[in-house]
Amino acid sequence: MSWTEVLGFATGALCVWLVARQHVANWPIGIANNIFFIVLFAQAGLYADAGLQIVFIALAAYGWWSWTHGGGPGTAGSLPVRRTTRAEWAWLAAAGAVGTLGLTLLLDRVSDSTVPFWDALTTALSLMATYGQCRKLIESWWLWIAADLVYIPLYAYKGLWLTSVLYGGFLALCVAGLLGWRRTLAAPGARSAPTGATA
């Protein structure tokens, strides 16, 4: 266990707690968390996860803007929670499959990763979930739950015990976030999902 892992634990837990409560401060806290995890994962040989943190920083900047500007030019106010449309699911699934395959092949050929497929899969799921979080798509929580169910044993296997425990906490927070966002969506006056949305 290192100070990098401890700080990653603390900022990560705070970030997910803030996301579940739809608090915009989750974005700067999340950026700090990404920086700690770049160092931690690179040291552990989880290269896709380390590189993923750089993408997360860019997505955090987008999510921060999206949550505060309503998600589009000329709009104001906070972004509403909504369901994912069929079209969004289609391209997310396609991007996730291509990303997982491409990263698996890349890691297998150009790195010393011992878990190329699992590293690639969690990277793809996390990117899909983060995009959904940026747009406040309620199903992004299901993607995070799927990713966490892989992350927990993966980090334990790599000896990152505190991080594995952290992701167990993330799993619980994701369930709480899903339930909270569902209540927001069901509240009177909540904006309906676009045509073609799925449950």
Protein backbone atom coordinates (compact mmCIF):
# COMPACT_ATOMS: atom_id res chain seq x y z
CA MET A 1 0.00 0.00 0.00
CA SER A 2 1.32 3.47 -0.90
CA TRP A 3 0.28 7.08 -0.33
CA THR A 4 -0.72 7.22 -3.98
CA GLU A 5 -3.16 4.35 -3.40
CA VAL A 6 -4.49 5.95 -0.19
CA LEU A 7 -5.07 9.32 -1.91
CA GLY A 8 -6.65 7.54 -4.88
CA PHE A 9 -8.95 5.74 -2.45
CA ALA A 10 -10.03 8.97 -0.70
CA THR A 11 -10.59 11.09 -3.80
CA GLY A 12 -12.28 8.24 -5.64
CA ALA A 13 -14.78 7.55 -2.86
CA LEU A 14 -15.59 11.26 -2.53
CA CYS A 15 -16.02 11.64 -6.30
CA VAL A 16 -18.52 8.78 -6.64
CA TRP A 17 -20.44 10.00 -3.56
CA LEU A 18 -20.74 13.46 -5.18
CA VAL A 19 -21.82 12.00 -8.55
CA ALA A 20 -24.59 10.02 -6.87
CA ARG A 21 -25.83 13.31 -5.42
CA GLN A 22 -25.49 15.09 -8.78
CA HIS A 23 -23.02 17.60 -7.24
CA VAL A 24 -20.85 19.36 -9.81
CA ALA A 25 -17.81 19.25 -7.50
CA ASN A 26 -17.41 15.59 -8.48
CA TRP A 27 -15.58 16.71 -11.63
CA PRO A 28 -12.56 18.51 -10.07
CA ILE A 29 -12.31 15.84 -7.36
CA GLY A 30 -12.42 13.22 -10.09
CA ILE A 31 -9.56 14.90 -11.97
CA ALA A 32 -7.40 14.74 -8.83
CA ASN A 33 -8.33 11.05 -8.49
CA ASN A 34 -7.30 10.40 -12.11
CA ILE A 35 -3.86 11.89 -11.51
CA PHE A 36 -3.23 9.63 -8.51
CA PHE A 37 -4.38 6.58 -10.47
CA ILE A 38 -2.16 7.35 -13.47
CA VAL A 39 0.84 6.86 -11.20
CA LEU A 40 -0.59 3.86 -9.32
CA PHE A 41 -1.70 1.88 -12.37
CA ALA A 42 1.49 2.55 -14.33
CA GLN A 43 3.48 1.16 -11.40
CA ALA A 44 1.23 -1.94 -11.31
CA GLY A 45 1.55 -2.63 -15.04
CA LEU A 46 -2.12 -1.83 -15.74
CA TYR A 47 -1.24 0.31 -18.74
CA ALA A 48 -4.71 0.60 -20.27
CA ASP A 49 -6.09 1.71 -16.92
CA ALA A 50 -3.28 4.25 -16.58
CA GLY A 51 -3.94 5.63 -20.06
CA LEU A 52 -7.66 5.62 -19.36
CA GLN A 53 -7.13 8.17 -16.60
CA ILE A 54 -5.87 10.70 -19.18
CA VAL A 55 -9.05 10.20 -21.19
CA PHE A 56 -11.05 10.54 -17.97
CA ILE A 57 -9.48 13.96 -17.36
CA ALA A 58 -10.64 15.13 -20.81
CA LEU A 59 -14.11 13.65 -20.24
CA ALA A 60 -14.26 15.31 -16.81
CA ALA A 61 -13.71 18.70 -18.43
CA TYR A 62 -16.54 17.93 -20.87
CA GLY A 63 -18.80 16.60 -18.11
CA TRP A 64 -18.14 19.67 -15.95
CA TRP A 65 -19.18 21.93 -18.81
CA SER A 66 -22.13 19.72 -19.75
CA TRP A 67 -23.56 19.62 -16.21
CA THR A 68 -23.32 23.40 -15.80
CA HIS A 69 -24.48 24.48 -19.27
CA GLY A 70 -27.29 22.04 -19.95
CA GLY A 71 -25.30 20.16 -22.53
CA GLY A 72 -25.63 22.38 -25.56
CA PRO A 73 -24.75 25.77 -27.03
CA GLY A 74 -27.10 28.53 -25.98
CA THR A 75 -28.62 26.48 -23.16
CA ALA A 76 -28.56 27.29 -19.48
CA GLY A 77 -29.24 25.46 -16.28
CA SER A 78 -28.31 22.01 -15.12
CA LEU A 79 -28.45 18.92 -17.30
CA PRO A 80 -31.45 16.67 -16.53
CA VAL A 81 -31.22 12.95 -15.83
CA ARG A 82 -32.61 10.90 -18.72
CA ARG A 83 -32.68 7.41 -20.21
CA THR A 84 -30.34 6.18 -22.94
CA THR A 85 -31.85 6.04 -26.43
CA ARG A 86 -31.63 2.98 -28.66
CA ALA A 87 -29.29 4.85 -31.00
CA GLU A 88 -26.98 5.76 -28.10
CA TRP A 89 -26.96 2.15 -26.92
CA ALA A 90 -26.10 0.94 -30.43
CA TRP A 91 -23.06 3.16 -30.87
CA LEU A 92 -21.92 2.70 -27.26
CA ALA A 93 -22.03 -1.09 -27.68
CA ALA A 94 -20.17 -0.90 -30.99
CA ALA A 95 -17.53 1.42 -29.57
CA GLY A 96 -17.15 -0.79 -26.49
CA ALA A 97 -16.68 -3.97 -28.55
CA VAL A 98 -14.17 -2.37 -30.92
CA GLY A 99 -12.32 -0.74 -28.04
CA THR A 100 -12.07 -3.96 -26.06
CA LEU A 101 -10.78 -5.94 -29.06
CA GLY A 102 -8.33 -3.26 -30.17
CA LEU A 103 -6.90 -2.66 -26.69
CA THR A 104 -6.59 -6.40 -26.00
CA LEU A 105 -4.54 -6.89 -29.16
CA LEU A 106 -2.44 -3.80 -28.47
CA LEU A 107 -1.67 -4.71 -24.86
CA ASP A 108 -0.91 -8.31 -25.77
CA ARG A 109 1.59 -7.30 -28.44
CA VAL A 110 3.33 -4.19 -27.12
CA SER A 111 3.25 -4.49 -23.33
CA ASP A 112 4.10 -6.93 -20.56
CA SER A 113 0.51 -6.91 -19.28
CA THR A 114 -0.54 -10.23 -17.73
CA VAL A 115 -4.25 -9.40 -18.05
CA PRO A 116 -4.67 -7.74 -21.48
CA PHE A 117 -8.31 -8.72 -22.05
CA TRP A 118 -9.54 -7.76 -18.58
CA ASP A 119 -7.58 -4.50 -18.62
CA ALA A 120 -9.08 -3.69 -22.02
CA LEU A 121 -12.63 -4.69 -21.03
CA THR A 122 -12.67 -2.55 -17.90
CA THR A 123 -11.21 0.35 -19.88
CA ALA A 124 -13.97 0.13 -22.50
CA LEU A 125 -16.75 -0.22 -19.91
CA SER A 126 -15.38 2.71 -17.93
CA LEU A 127 -15.24 4.97 -20.98
CA MET A 128 -18.81 4.04 -21.92
CA ALA A 129 -19.96 4.70 -18.35
CA THR A 130 -18.12 8.01 -18.09
CA TYR A 131 -19.65 9.30 -21.31
CA GLY A 132 -23.08 8.32 -19.97
CA GLN A 133 -22.32 10.08 -16.70
CA CYS A 134 -21.31 13.24 -18.61
CA ARG A 135 -24.74 13.22 -20.30
CA LYS A 136 -26.58 12.11 -17.12
CA LEU A 137 -27.80 8.89 -18.74
CA ILE A 138 -29.26 6.78 -15.94
CA GLU A 139 -28.01 3.54 -17.48
CA SER A 140 -24.41 4.72 -17.04
CA TRP A 141 -24.71 3.33 -13.51
CA TRP A 142 -25.29 -0.18 -14.91
CA LEU A 143 -22.11 0.14 -16.96
CA TRP A 144 -20.18 1.22 -13.85
CA ILE A 145 -21.62 -1.71 -11.91
CA ALA A 146 -20.47 -4.12 -14.64
CA ALA A 147 -17.00 -2.56 -14.66
CA ASP A 148 -16.70 -2.69 -10.87
CA LEU A 149 -17.62 -6.39 -10.80
CA VAL A 150 -14.53 -7.00 -12.96
CA TYR A 151 -12.29 -4.39 -11.31
CA ILE A 152 -12.66 -5.82 -7.78
CA PRO A 153 -11.06 -9.23 -8.48
CA LEU A 154 -8.67 -7.74 -11.06
CA TYR A 155 -7.11 -5.32 -8.58
CA ALA A 156 -6.96 -8.04 -5.90
CA TYR A 157 -5.12 -10.27 -8.40
CA LYS A 158 -2.62 -7.45 -9.04
CA GLY A 159 -2.05 -6.97 -5.29
CA LEU A 160 -3.82 -3.59 -5.12
CA TRP A 161 -5.85 -4.59 -2.08
CA LEU A 162 -6.93 -1.12 -0.95
CA THR A 163 -7.99 -0.25 -4.50
CA SER A 164 -9.95 -3.51 -4.68
CA VAL A 165 -11.75 -2.57 -1.45
CA LEU A 166 -12.34 0.92 -2.85
CA TYR A 167 -14.04 -0.54 -5.90
CA GLY A 168 -16.23 -2.65 -3.62
CA GLY A 169 -17.29 0.67 -2.09
CA PHE A 170 -17.75 2.10 -5.57
CA LEU A 171 -20.07 -0.80 -6.36
CA ALA A 172 -22.27 0.06 -3.37
CA LEU A 173 -22.20 3.77 -4.27
CA CYS A 174 -23.15 2.93 -7.86
CA VAL A 175 -26.23 1.07 -6.67
CA ALA A 176 -27.12 4.05 -4.47
CA GLY A 177 -26.50 6.42 -7.40
CA LEU A 178 -28.71 4.36 -9.69
CA LEU A 179 -31.56 4.42 -7.17
CA GLY A 180 -31.09 8.15 -6.57
CA TRP A 181 -31.09 9.05 -10.26
CA ARG A 182 -34.17 6.84 -10.77
CA ARG A 183 -35.97 8.86 -8.09
CA THR A 184 -34.93 12.09 -9.84
CA LEU A 185 -36.21 10.76 -13.16
CA ALA A 186 -39.52 9.70 -11.62
CA ALA A 187 -40.03 13.02 -9.82
CA PRO A 188 -42.90 15.24 -10.95
CA GLY A 189 -41.74 17.66 -13.65
CA ALA A 190 -38.78 15.48 -14.70
CA ARG A 191 -38.08 15.70 -18.40
CA SER A 192 -39.19 12.63 -20.37
CA ALA A 193 -36.71 10.55 -22.30
CA PRO A 194 -36.33 11.27 -26.04
CA THR A 195 -38.33 9.21 -28.51
CA GLY A 196 -36.85 5.75 -28.90
CA ALA A 197 -35.49 5.60 -25.36
CA THR A 198 -35.25 2.25 -23.66
CA ALA A 199 -35.66 1.17 -20.07
